[in-house]
Amino acid sequence: MKTITTLNNGNIYQMDIGEAIEIVQAYQRTNGFPGLLEAVIDMQDRVTLDELPIKQKVAFRRFMKDMSALFAPRESV
């Protein structure tokens, strides 16, 4: 289980990538976005404006961190 420290209050929340994906997908369904990409873009805007509940902010940050690592270029060996 990985942890994320929120920027506003310094509290530490534990969330694994599975839970983060579920929260992002629920956000997508609840807000009627046709795809995950549109939901993530909207979440990013709302995180910037501090308009999401803490749990959704943490889910967004975990999702972005793990997905960025997944798609990051790697050096060939």
Protein backbone atom coordinates (compact mmCIF):
# COMPACT_ATOMS: atom_id res chain seq x y z
CA MET A 1 0.00 0.00 0.00
CA LYS A 2 1.39 3.36 -0.97
CA THR A 3 0.67 6.62 0.82
CA ILE A 4 0.04 10.12 -0.42
CA THR A 5 0.45 13.26 1.63
CA THR A 6 -2.12 15.88 0.76
CA LEU A 7 -0.77 19.32 0.04
CA ASN A 8 -3.30 21.29 2.10
CA ASN A 9 -3.22 19.70 5.53
CA GLY A 10 -0.26 17.32 5.54
CA ASN A 11 -2.43 14.34 6.48
CA ILE A 12 -1.35 10.99 5.16
CA TYR A 13 -3.92 8.86 3.34
CA GLN A 14 -3.33 5.30 2.19
CA MET A 15 -4.78 4.24 -1.13
CA ASP A 16 -3.71 1.57 -3.57
CA ILE A 17 -4.03 1.94 -7.33
CA GLY A 18 -7.08 -0.36 -7.46
CA GLU A 19 -9.06 1.88 -5.14
CA ALA A 20 -7.87 4.97 -7.00
CA ILE A 21 -9.04 3.54 -10.33
CA GLU A 22 -12.45 2.70 -8.85
CA ILE A 23 -12.86 6.26 -7.56
CA VAL A 24 -11.82 7.81 -10.88
CA GLN A 25 -14.20 5.48 -12.77
CA ALA A 26 -17.03 6.33 -10.36
CA TYR A 27 -16.30 10.03 -10.97
CA GLN A 28 -16.49 9.37 -14.70
CA ARG A 29 -19.85 7.59 -14.44
CA THR A 30 -21.35 10.08 -11.96
CA ASN A 31 -20.45 13.10 -14.09
CA GLY A 32 -21.36 11.52 -17.45
CA PHE A 33 -17.97 11.65 -19.14
CA PRO A 34 -17.71 9.41 -22.22
CA GLY A 35 -14.20 8.24 -21.36
CA LEU A 36 -11.65 8.02 -18.60
CA LEU A 37 -9.43 10.65 -20.21
CA GLU A 38 -12.18 13.28 -20.07
CA ALA A 39 -12.84 12.47 -16.42
CA VAL A 40 -9.15 12.74 -15.52
CA ILE A 41 -8.84 16.10 -17.31
CA ASP A 42 -11.87 17.42 -15.42
CA MET A 43 -10.50 16.08 -12.13
CA GLN A 44 -7.18 17.79 -12.81
CA ASP A 45 -8.95 21.12 -13.29
CA ARG A 46 -10.97 20.62 -10.11
CA VAL A 47 -7.91 19.60 -8.07
CA THR A 48 -6.23 22.80 -9.21
CA LEU A 49 -9.27 24.81 -8.09
CA ASP A 50 -9.52 22.80 -4.84
CA GLU A 51 -13.07 21.70 -5.67
CA LEU A 52 -12.83 17.97 -4.96
CA PRO A 53 -13.25 16.09 -1.69
CA ILE A 54 -10.01 14.81 -0.15
CA LYS A 55 -10.68 11.18 -1.14
CA GLN A 56 -11.08 12.12 -4.81
CA LYS A 57 -7.96 14.31 -4.69
CA VAL A 58 -5.93 11.45 -3.26
CA ALA A 59 -7.36 9.06 -5.87
CA PHE A 60 -6.48 11.48 -8.65
CA ARG A 61 -2.92 11.90 -7.39
CA ARG A 62 -2.40 8.14 -6.97
CA PHE A 63 -3.88 7.47 -10.42
CA MET A 64 -1.70 10.08 -12.11
CA LYS A 65 1.48 9.00 -10.32
CA ASP A 66 1.06 5.31 -11.11
CA MET A 67 -0.15 5.84 -14.68
CA SER A 68 2.71 8.26 -15.37
CA ALA A 69 5.18 5.62 -14.20
CA LEU A 70 3.48 3.04 -16.40
CA PHE A 71 3.83 5.15 -19.54
CA ALA A 72 7.20 6.76 -18.78
CA PRO A 73 9.93 6.08 -21.33
CA ARG A 74 12.46 3.55 -20.17
CA GLU A 75 16.06 3.19 -21.14
CA SER A 76 16.83 0.14 -23.18
CA VAL A 77 19.23 -2.32 -21.63
